Protein backbone atom coordinates (compact mmCIF):
# COMPACT_ATOMS: atom_id res chain seq x y z
CA MET A 1 29.79 -24.80 -28.73
CA THR A 2 32.24 -22.62 -30.08
CA GLU A 3 31.69 -20.13 -33.23
CA ALA A 4 33.53 -22.43 -35.36
CA ASP A 5 31.46 -25.59 -34.00
CA ALA A 6 28.77 -23.70 -34.78
CA SER A 7 29.14 -22.32 -38.35
CA ALA A 8 30.02 -26.45 -39.16
CA ALA A 9 26.78 -27.29 -37.77
CA GLN A 10 25.37 -24.98 -40.25
CA PRO A 11 25.88 -26.77 -43.18
CA ALA A 12 25.28 -30.48 -41.64
CA ALA A 13 21.67 -29.43 -40.47
CA ALA A 14 20.87 -28.03 -44.35
CA ALA A 15 22.14 -31.25 -45.68
CA GLU A 16 20.17 -33.05 -42.91
CA GLU A 17 17.22 -30.67 -44.51
CA ARG A 18 18.10 -31.42 -47.85
CA ALA A 19 18.20 -34.94 -47.55
CA PRO A 20 16.53 -36.74 -50.06
CA ALA A 21 13.18 -37.69 -49.00
CA GLU A 22 10.98 -40.45 -50.17
CA GLN A 23 8.42 -38.93 -52.97
CA PRO A 24 5.28 -41.07 -54.12
CA THR A 25 5.96 -42.50 -57.24
CA VAL A 26 3.17 -44.41 -60.00
CA GLU A 27 4.40 -46.53 -62.61
CA ILE A 28 2.09 -47.11 -65.64
CA GLU A 29 2.74 -48.80 -69.15
CA ARG A 30 0.00 -48.01 -71.98
CA ASP A 31 0.26 -48.31 -75.23
CA GLY A 32 4.11 -48.88 -75.60
CA VAL A 33 5.56 -46.05 -73.74
CA HIS A 34 6.45 -46.22 -69.60
CA TYR A 35 5.07 -43.37 -67.71
CA THR A 36 6.71 -42.56 -64.37
CA LEU A 37 4.71 -40.31 -62.62
CA LEU A 38 6.68 -38.67 -59.58
CA GLY A 39 4.45 -36.82 -56.74
CA THR A 40 6.11 -33.76 -55.31
CA ALA A 41 5.67 -30.98 -53.02
CA HIS A 42 5.93 -27.58 -54.26
CA VAL A 43 7.36 -26.09 -51.48
CA SER A 44 10.06 -28.55 -50.84
CA TRP A 45 14.07 -28.54 -51.24
CA ALA A 46 13.75 -32.41 -50.56
CA SER A 47 11.24 -32.71 -54.04
CA VAL A 48 13.76 -30.34 -55.99
CA ASP A 49 16.81 -33.09 -55.32
CA ALA A 50 14.20 -35.90 -56.07
CA VAL A 51 13.69 -34.22 -59.43
CA ARG A 52 17.35 -34.14 -60.43
CA ALA A 53 18.13 -37.39 -59.10
CA ALA A 54 14.89 -39.30 -61.37
CA ILE A 55 16.64 -37.10 -64.55
CA ASP A 56 20.00 -37.51 -63.30
CA SER A 57 19.20 -41.63 -63.45
CA ASN A 58 19.06 -40.99 -67.45
CA ARG A 59 16.21 -44.06 -67.41
CA PHE A 60 14.00 -41.06 -69.28
CA ASP A 61 13.98 -39.99 -72.62
CA ALA A 62 11.43 -37.18 -72.36
CA ILE A 63 10.11 -35.12 -68.79
CA ALA A 64 6.93 -34.01 -68.57
CA VAL A 65 6.01 -31.15 -66.04
CA GLU A 66 2.20 -29.78 -64.72
CA LEU A 67 2.90 -26.41 -66.19
CA ASP A 68 1.38 -24.21 -69.15
CA ALA A 69 3.58 -22.08 -71.10
CA GLN A 70 2.68 -18.85 -69.57
CA ARG A 71 3.62 -20.27 -66.07
CA LEU A 72 6.68 -21.93 -67.67
CA LYS A 73 7.98 -18.61 -68.65
CA ALA A 74 6.93 -16.83 -65.18
CA LEU A 75 9.13 -19.74 -63.13
CA THR A 76 12.21 -19.03 -66.32
CA GLN A 77 11.80 -15.83 -67.57
CA PRO A 78 10.94 -13.23 -64.78
CA ASP A 79 11.17 -10.56 -67.42
CA ALA A 80 8.63 -12.75 -69.47
CA MET A 81 5.66 -10.43 -68.53
CA ALA A 82 7.27 -7.28 -69.85
CA GLU A 83 6.12 -9.17 -73.76
CA LEU A 84 2.66 -8.52 -72.91
CA ASP A 85 -0.09 -7.02 -75.25
CA LEU A 86 -2.06 -4.69 -72.72
CA VAL A 87 -4.39 -3.84 -75.92
CA LYS A 88 -4.69 -7.50 -76.46
CA VAL A 89 -6.14 -8.30 -73.18
CA ILE A 90 -8.19 -5.98 -72.67
CA ARG A 91 -9.57 -6.37 -76.67
CA GLU A 92 -10.20 -9.94 -76.24
CA ARG A 93 -11.71 -9.37 -72.90
CA LYS A 94 -8.93 -11.82 -70.49
CA VAL A 95 -8.66 -8.99 -67.87
CA ALA A 96 -10.14 -11.58 -65.46
CA PRO A 97 -7.54 -14.61 -66.30
CA PHE A 98 -5.00 -11.73 -66.01
CA ALA A 99 -6.02 -10.47 -62.59
CA ALA A 100 -6.18 -14.38 -61.18
CA ASN A 101 -2.77 -14.68 -62.34
CA LEU A 102 -1.51 -11.86 -60.93
CA ALA A 103 -3.73 -13.09 -56.99
CA LEU A 104 -1.43 -16.55 -58.08
CA ALA A 105 1.48 -14.63 -58.42
CA ALA A 106 1.50 -12.85 -55.23
CA TYR A 107 0.19 -15.64 -53.28
CA GLN A 108 3.70 -17.46 -55.04
CA ARG A 109 5.52 -14.57 -53.58
CA ARG A 110 4.53 -14.82 -50.13
CA LEU A 111 5.48 -18.38 -50.09
CA ALA A 112 8.36 -17.58 -51.03
CA GLU A 113 9.36 -14.64 -48.63
CA GLN A 114 7.63 -16.82 -46.07
CA MET A 115 8.90 -20.77 -47.22
CA GLY A 116 12.55 -19.81 -48.51
CA ILE A 117 11.43 -21.33 -51.74
CA GLU A 118 10.37 -20.31 -54.94
CA PRO A 119 6.65 -22.75 -55.11
CA GLY A 120 6.84 -24.82 -58.06
CA ALA A 121 10.84 -24.63 -57.93
CA GLU A 122 11.06 -28.56 -58.33
CA LEU A 123 8.75 -28.36 -62.08
CA LYS A 124 11.62 -25.30 -62.72
CA ALA A 125 14.22 -28.06 -62.11
CA ALA A 126 12.94 -30.46 -64.26
CA ALA A 127 12.27 -28.01 -67.28
CA VAL A 128 15.68 -26.65 -66.76
CA GLU A 129 17.56 -30.11 -66.45
CA ALA A 130 15.43 -31.19 -69.58
CA GLU A 131 16.50 -28.47 -71.91
CA ALA A 132 20.43 -28.75 -70.46
CA ARG A 133 19.95 -32.65 -71.26
CA GLY A 134 18.15 -31.94 -74.77
CA LEU A 135 15.54 -33.96 -73.69
CA PRO A 136 11.62 -33.14 -74.56
CA LEU A 137 9.87 -31.46 -72.73
CA GLN A 138 6.03 -31.50 -72.53
CA LEU A 139 3.80 -29.01 -70.80
CA ILE A 140 0.83 -30.93 -69.73
CA ASP A 141 -1.23 -28.62 -67.53
CA ARG A 142 -4.41 -26.74 -68.40
CA ASP A 143 -3.57 -22.93 -69.29
CA VAL A 144 -4.63 -21.03 -66.05
CA GLY A 145 -7.05 -18.59 -67.62
CA ILE A 146 -9.02 -21.53 -68.92
CA THR A 147 -9.48 -23.06 -65.46
CA PHE A 148 -10.16 -19.83 -64.23
CA ARG A 149 -12.76 -19.05 -67.03
CA ARG A 150 -14.26 -22.88 -67.03
CA ILE A 151 -14.20 -22.01 -63.02
CA LEU A 152 -16.36 -19.02 -63.60
CA GLN A 153 -18.66 -20.82 -65.99
CA GLY A 154 -19.61 -23.41 -63.49
CA LEU A 155 -20.52 -21.22 -60.76
CA GLY A 156 -23.68 -18.74 -60.29
CA TRP A 157 -23.67 -15.60 -59.81
CA TRP A 158 -23.17 -14.73 -56.23
CA ASP A 159 -20.51 -17.64 -55.97
CA ARG A 160 -19.17 -15.38 -58.81
CA MET A 161 -18.91 -12.09 -57.00
CA LYS A 162 -17.53 -14.28 -54.03
CA LEU A 163 -14.54 -15.91 -56.41
CA ILE A 164 -13.17 -12.57 -58.08
CA GLY A 165 -14.28 -11.14 -54.37
CA GLY A 166 -11.32 -13.63 -53.01
CA VAL A 167 -9.28 -13.37 -55.70
CA GLY A 168 -9.08 -9.40 -54.92
CA ALA A 169 -8.81 -10.04 -51.74
CA SER A 170 -5.24 -12.01 -51.84
CA LEU A 171 -3.95 -9.90 -54.44
CA PHE A 172 -3.67 -7.36 -51.17
CA SER A 173 -3.38 -9.48 -48.34
CA SER A 174 0.08 -9.36 -46.62
CA ASP A 175 -0.70 -12.15 -44.17
CA GLU A 176 1.25 -14.93 -43.76
CA VAL A 177 0.03 -18.07 -45.23
CA ALA A 178 -1.72 -20.32 -43.17
CA GLU A 179 0.25 -23.70 -42.21
CA GLU A 180 -2.97 -25.94 -43.01
CA ASP A 181 -2.36 -24.04 -46.54
CA ILE A 182 1.43 -25.29 -46.55
CA GLU A 183 0.92 -28.74 -45.52
CA ARG A 184 -1.56 -29.14 -48.33
CA LEU A 185 0.67 -27.36 -50.93
CA LYS A 186 3.21 -30.59 -49.44
CA GLU A 187 0.65 -32.72 -51.14
CA GLY A 188 -1.63 -31.18 -53.58
CA ASP A 189 -1.37 -28.46 -55.89
CA MET A 190 -0.93 -24.94 -56.41
CA LEU A 191 -3.78 -23.92 -57.68
CA GLU A 192 -6.08 -25.64 -55.07
CA SER A 193 -4.18 -23.85 -52.45
CA SER A 194 -4.41 -20.79 -54.08
CA PHE A 195 -8.28 -21.32 -53.80
CA SER A 196 -8.29 -23.03 -50.80
CA GLU A 197 -11.11 -21.41 -48.54
CA PHE A 198 -13.44 -21.04 -50.93
CA ALA A 199 -12.97 -24.58 -52.72
CA LYS A 200 -14.01 -26.14 -49.37
CA GLN A 201 -17.59 -24.80 -49.57
CA THR A 202 -17.55 -25.43 -53.75
CA PRO A 203 -17.33 -29.08 -54.94
CA THR A 204 -17.87 -27.38 -58.56
CA LEU A 205 -14.41 -25.67 -58.21
CA PHE A 206 -12.78 -29.23 -56.89
CA ALA A 207 -13.89 -30.77 -59.86
CA THR A 208 -12.74 -27.86 -61.95
CA LEU A 209 -9.31 -27.62 -60.59
CA ILE A 210 -8.37 -30.85 -59.85
CA ASP A 211 -10.38 -33.81 -61.59
CA GLU A 212 -10.78 -32.02 -64.66
CA ARG A 213 -7.07 -31.14 -64.95
CA ASP A 214 -5.88 -34.88 -63.44
CA GLN A 215 -7.85 -35.58 -66.96
CA TYR A 216 -6.51 -33.00 -69.10
CA MET A 217 -2.67 -34.40 -67.93
CA ALA A 218 -3.08 -37.66 -68.82
CA ALA A 219 -4.74 -37.09 -72.25
CA ARG A 220 -1.59 -34.57 -72.94
CA LEU A 221 0.66 -37.72 -71.95
CA ARG A 222 -0.79 -39.64 -74.60
CA GLU A 223 -0.89 -36.99 -77.32
CA ARG A 224 3.13 -37.58 -77.38
CA SER A 225 4.42 -37.76 -80.78
CA ASP A 226 8.34 -37.71 -80.29
CA GLY A 227 8.55 -41.14 -79.75
CA ALA A 228 9.67 -41.22 -75.96
CA LYS A 229 9.17 -44.50 -74.59
CA HIS A 230 10.20 -43.68 -71.09
CA VAL A 231 8.19 -40.86 -69.95
CA LEU A 232 8.90 -38.71 -66.80
CA ALA A 233 6.08 -36.86 -65.34
CA VAL A 234 6.51 -34.58 -62.42
CA VAL A 235 3.69 -33.37 -61.15
CA GLY A 236 2.15 -32.19 -57.48
CA ALA A 237 1.34 -34.93 -55.97
CA GLY A 238 -2.35 -34.34 -55.05
CA HIS A 239 -2.73 -35.25 -58.31
CA LEU A 240 -1.07 -38.63 -58.43
CA LYS A 241 -4.14 -41.32 -57.99
CA GLY A 242 -5.99 -39.29 -60.02
CA MET A 243 -3.83 -39.22 -62.92
CA ALA A 244 -2.56 -42.67 -62.53
CA GLY A 245 -6.25 -44.03 -63.03
CA TYR A 246 -7.17 -41.48 -66.10
CA LEU A 247 -3.90 -42.57 -68.33
CA GLU A 248 -4.26 -46.45 -67.19
CA THR A 249 -8.19 -46.80 -67.83
CA GLY A 250 -9.51 -43.92 -70.17
CA THR A 251 -10.84 -44.49 -73.55
CA GLU A 252 -11.64 -41.26 -74.77
CA ALA A 253 -9.14 -40.35 -77.58
CA PRO A 254 -6.95 -37.77 -76.32
CA ALA A 255 -7.04 -35.16 -78.36
CA ALA A 256 -10.90 -35.48 -77.84
CA ALA A 257 -10.49 -34.92 -74.18
CA THR A 258 -8.11 -32.25 -74.56
CA GLU A 259 -10.26 -30.50 -76.70
CA ARG A 260 -13.57 -31.15 -74.15
CA LEU A 261 -11.66 -30.05 -71.00
CA CYS A 262 -10.58 -26.82 -72.67
CA GLU A 263 -14.24 -25.96 -74.21
CA ILE A 264 -15.68 -22.10 -72.82
CA ARG A 265 -19.64 -21.93 -73.15
CA GLN A 266 -20.12 -19.28 -75.66
CA ARG A 267 -22.91 -16.70 -73.56
CA ARG A 268 -26.20 -16.60 -75.08
CA LYS A 269 -26.31 -13.94 -77.72
CA ILE A 270 -29.18 -12.10 -75.63
CA PRO A 271 -28.92 -13.10 -72.03
CA TRP A 272 -31.69 -12.79 -70.29
CA PHE A 273 -30.27 -10.30 -67.92
CA THR A 274 -30.37 -7.63 -71.11
CA ILE A 275 -33.93 -8.56 -72.16
CA VAL A 276 -35.50 -8.09 -68.96
CA LEU A 277 -33.32 -4.70 -68.61
CA LEU A 278 -34.21 -3.64 -71.97
CA ALA A 279 -38.12 -4.70 -71.44
CA LEU A 280 -37.70 -2.65 -68.06
CA ILE A 281 -36.67 0.57 -69.29
CA PHE A 282 -38.12 0.79 -72.61
CA GLY A 283 -41.36 -0.39 -71.71
CA GLY A 284 -41.67 1.37 -68.39
CA ILE A 285 -40.42 4.81 -70.89
CA ALA A 286 -42.99 3.87 -73.26
CA TRP A 287 -45.65 3.33 -70.96
CA GLY A 288 -44.92 6.56 -68.70
CA TYR A 289 -45.31 8.52 -71.93
CA TYR A 290 -48.52 6.86 -72.69
CA HIS A 291 -50.06 7.07 -69.44
CA GLY A 292 -48.06 9.48 -67.61
CA GLY A 293 -47.71 12.48 -70.09
CA ALA A 294 -43.84 12.93 -72.16
CA SER A 295 -42.89 14.47 -68.28
CA LEU A 296 -42.92 11.00 -66.75
CA GLY A 297 -41.07 9.35 -69.61
CA ARG A 298 -38.78 12.06 -69.59
CA ASP A 299 -38.06 11.57 -66.02
CA LEU A 300 -37.95 7.82 -66.76
CA LEU A 301 -35.37 7.99 -69.44
CA LEU A 302 -33.51 11.15 -67.44
CA GLN A 303 -33.46 8.33 -64.43
CA TRP A 304 -31.49 6.19 -66.67
CA VAL A 305 -29.29 7.92 -68.20
CA ALA A 306 -27.84 9.69 -64.99
CA TRP A 307 -27.66 6.84 -62.50
CA THR A 308 -25.40 4.58 -65.83
CA CYS A 309 -23.49 7.94 -66.08
CA GLY A 310 -23.29 9.01 -62.65
CA LEU A 311 -21.59 5.81 -61.35
CA THR A 312 -19.52 4.74 -64.68
CA ALA A 313 -18.03 8.26 -64.33
CA LEU A 314 -17.81 7.36 -60.20
CA GLY A 315 -16.06 3.99 -61.09
CA ALA A 316 -13.32 5.47 -63.43
CA LEU A 317 -12.77 8.14 -61.27
CA LEU A 318 -12.19 5.91 -58.23
CA ALA A 319 -9.77 3.78 -60.71
CA GLY A 320 -7.83 7.44 -61.15
CA ALA A 321 -8.73 7.11 -65.22
CA ARG A 322 -7.68 9.97 -67.05
CA PRO A 323 -10.09 12.70 -67.85
CA LEU A 324 -10.71 11.60 -71.46
CA ALA A 325 -11.42 8.38 -70.52
CA ILE A 326 -13.90 9.36 -67.69
CA LEU A 327 -15.94 11.40 -70.27
CA VAL A 328 -16.04 8.50 -73.08
CA ALA A 329 -17.22 5.90 -70.43
CA THR A 330 -19.17 8.04 -69.14
CA LEU A 331 -20.98 8.78 -72.68
CA VAL A 332 -21.04 5.15 -73.81
CA ALA A 333 -22.62 3.73 -70.99
CA PRO A 334 -26.06 4.81 -71.23
CA PHE A 335 -25.85 2.80 -74.15
CA LYS A 336 -24.69 -0.61 -72.64
CA PRO A 337 -27.83 -3.01 -73.35
CA PHE A 338 -27.16 -2.68 -77.08
CA ARG A 339 -23.65 -3.67 -76.80
CA PRO A 340 -23.23 -6.38 -74.12
CA THR A 341 -19.67 -7.36 -75.36
CA PHE A 342 -18.34 -3.90 -75.03
CA PRO A 343 -18.24 -2.92 -72.10
CA SER A 344 -17.83 0.67 -70.88
CA GLY A 345 -14.72 -0.40 -69.53
CA MET A 346 -13.04 -1.07 -72.88
CA PHE A 347 -13.04 2.58 -73.92
CA SER A 348 -11.77 3.80 -70.89
CA ALA A 349 -8.89 1.64 -70.60
CA LEU A 350 -7.99 1.37 -74.26
CA ILE A 351 -8.02 5.53 -73.96
CA ASP A 352 -6.30 5.16 -70.78
CA LEU A 353 -4.12 3.27 -72.34
CA ARG A 354 -2.56 5.41 -74.65
CA SER A 355 -1.76 8.18 -72.46
CA ARG A 356 -0.51 5.91 -69.63
CA LYS A 357 1.51 3.29 -71.98
CA PRO A 358 2.95 1.30 -69.04
CA ALA A 359 6.85 1.05 -69.07
CA TYR A 360 9.50 -1.81 -69.01
CA PRO A 361 10.06 -1.43 -65.22
CA ASP A 362 6.63 -1.43 -64.68
CA PHE A 363 6.29 -4.72 -65.79
CA LEU A 364 9.04 -5.80 -63.74
CA ALA A 365 7.36 -4.19 -60.66
CA LEU A 366 4.08 -6.15 -61.39
CA ARG A 367 4.74 -8.73 -59.02
CA ASP A 368 5.90 -7.01 -56.12
CA ASP A 369 3.18 -3.59 -56.94
CA ALA A 370 0.56 -6.56 -57.19
CA GLN A 371 0.50 -6.98 -53.42
CA THR A 372 -0.74 -3.35 -52.40
CA LEU A 373 -3.81 -1.58 -52.99
CA HIS A 374 -0.70 1.83 -53.45
CA GLY A 375 1.29 -0.69 -55.86
CA TRP A 376 -1.74 -0.73 -57.91
CA TYR A 377 -2.04 2.96 -58.44
CA ARG A 378 0.99 3.22 -58.86
CA ASN A 379 2.04 0.52 -61.42
CA ARG A 380 0.81 1.85 -64.71
CA VAL A 381 -0.07 -1.60 -66.20
CA THR A 382 -2.12 -2.90 -62.72
CA ARG A 383 -3.50 0.94 -62.82
CA VAL A 384 -5.22 0.35 -66.54
CA LEU A 385 -6.46 -2.86 -65.23
CA LEU A 386 -8.09 -0.89 -62.28
CA VAL A 387 -9.81 1.52 -65.00
CA PHE A 388 -11.08 -1.54 -66.71
CA LEU A 389 -12.82 -3.02 -63.36
CA LEU A 390 -13.76 -0.40 -61.76
CA THR A 391 -15.02 1.17 -64.77
CA ASN A 392 -17.25 -1.49 -65.76
CA LEU A 393 -18.41 -1.98 -61.66
CA GLY A 394 -19.78 1.52 -62.12
CA THR A 395 -21.96 0.77 -64.96
CA VAL A 396 -23.19 -2.37 -63.62
CA ALA A 397 -24.34 -0.50 -60.55
CA GLY A 398 -25.89 2.35 -62.47
CA GLU A 399 -27.59 -0.13 -64.56
CA TYR A 400 -29.53 -2.29 -61.12
CA VAL A 401 -29.89 1.09 -59.42
CA ALA A 402 -31.92 2.58 -62.30
CA GLY A 403 -33.71 0.16 -62.79
CA VAL A 404 -35.09 -0.17 -59.24
CA SER A 405 -35.47 3.70 -59.55
CA ILE A 406 -37.71 3.15 -62.50
CA PHE A 407 -39.60 0.52 -61.33
CA GLY A 408 -40.32 2.67 -58.38
CA LYS A 409 -41.36 5.63 -60.37
CA LEU A 410 -43.82 2.98 -62.19
CA VAL A 411 -45.22 1.20 -59.04
CA GLY A 412 -45.94 4.29 -57.07
CA GLY A 413 -47.17 6.64 -59.86
């Protein structure tokens, strides 16, 4: 084959790869509105073309997509991260959901590099086409942060640690995405694929990632108030069956369903861990003073202060916190049981943030820097998150070690 023949064949091959494929659809009539659920693959040019062809048909007067406001911004406004109020994230204790979003962004970047297409390109195309044509756009998926928090509240302590560890590991992974995960993405859901390894072992996680969101998205579709009569809903193929069932037969009022599915159980005002810890420490110290003398009481108190201060300082130091941030976190660490809603990491991170304020380029580089450990230390946004997380980890470790040490002294004495 000559060079001319080869170059002529390339566009033909590309066209063949992009040839529109039959995408699964479900048609449902409910409350005077005709819904067309279009099932897509999140890493497929054919799905992008199918979405555009559906909108080009001019059959629809409204478009709905499997996105929340934050994910839409990430897809259509790459610089949106620069608007982030990091102080608000820390004060409102939203660091864990933010870290989960970074993990999702890193996973998507790996997929884009491997597959040559941005994950969710068909959802972006639907949003862009809707805006270009002046069609109402409805974001029907639940906020990722709420989904992540509901996942955590449904898991036991050990499963939470495994999930958080898995999210952390995925941030720094440079391996290619496994073929089975890519196949799952072609049939299913971005969030499910992101947590695939954990989801296999945890039915609770699957229910929160898929079934709850099927219910939520079906309810959101029924909440429409713009008078649309023909709605195109672009969703991952894995949601079609569940959404169709809830949309067709669901009896719960849409507003009540969405409110229920976004509820975050509030922790007890006085957690059991705090009660036991306080009883052990102060009961033990009091017992030491009365039965072992002032020297034993002081020794037990020093055990608590030394371990909580020492390991908190170590955590902040490993994160590369500023000296003042390390000092303040160290000083407040022994008082953690009296302020369970204000972790040591909050103090160190807010102080560190004042002297290490992120600049615009830090936000632009977030997706790339979040994929490597070196990037986390170089980027001032992720460095502050490290200070928050590692300081808190040090405090928790200090509490456990101090509790064990005090108990050992009491038993041994």
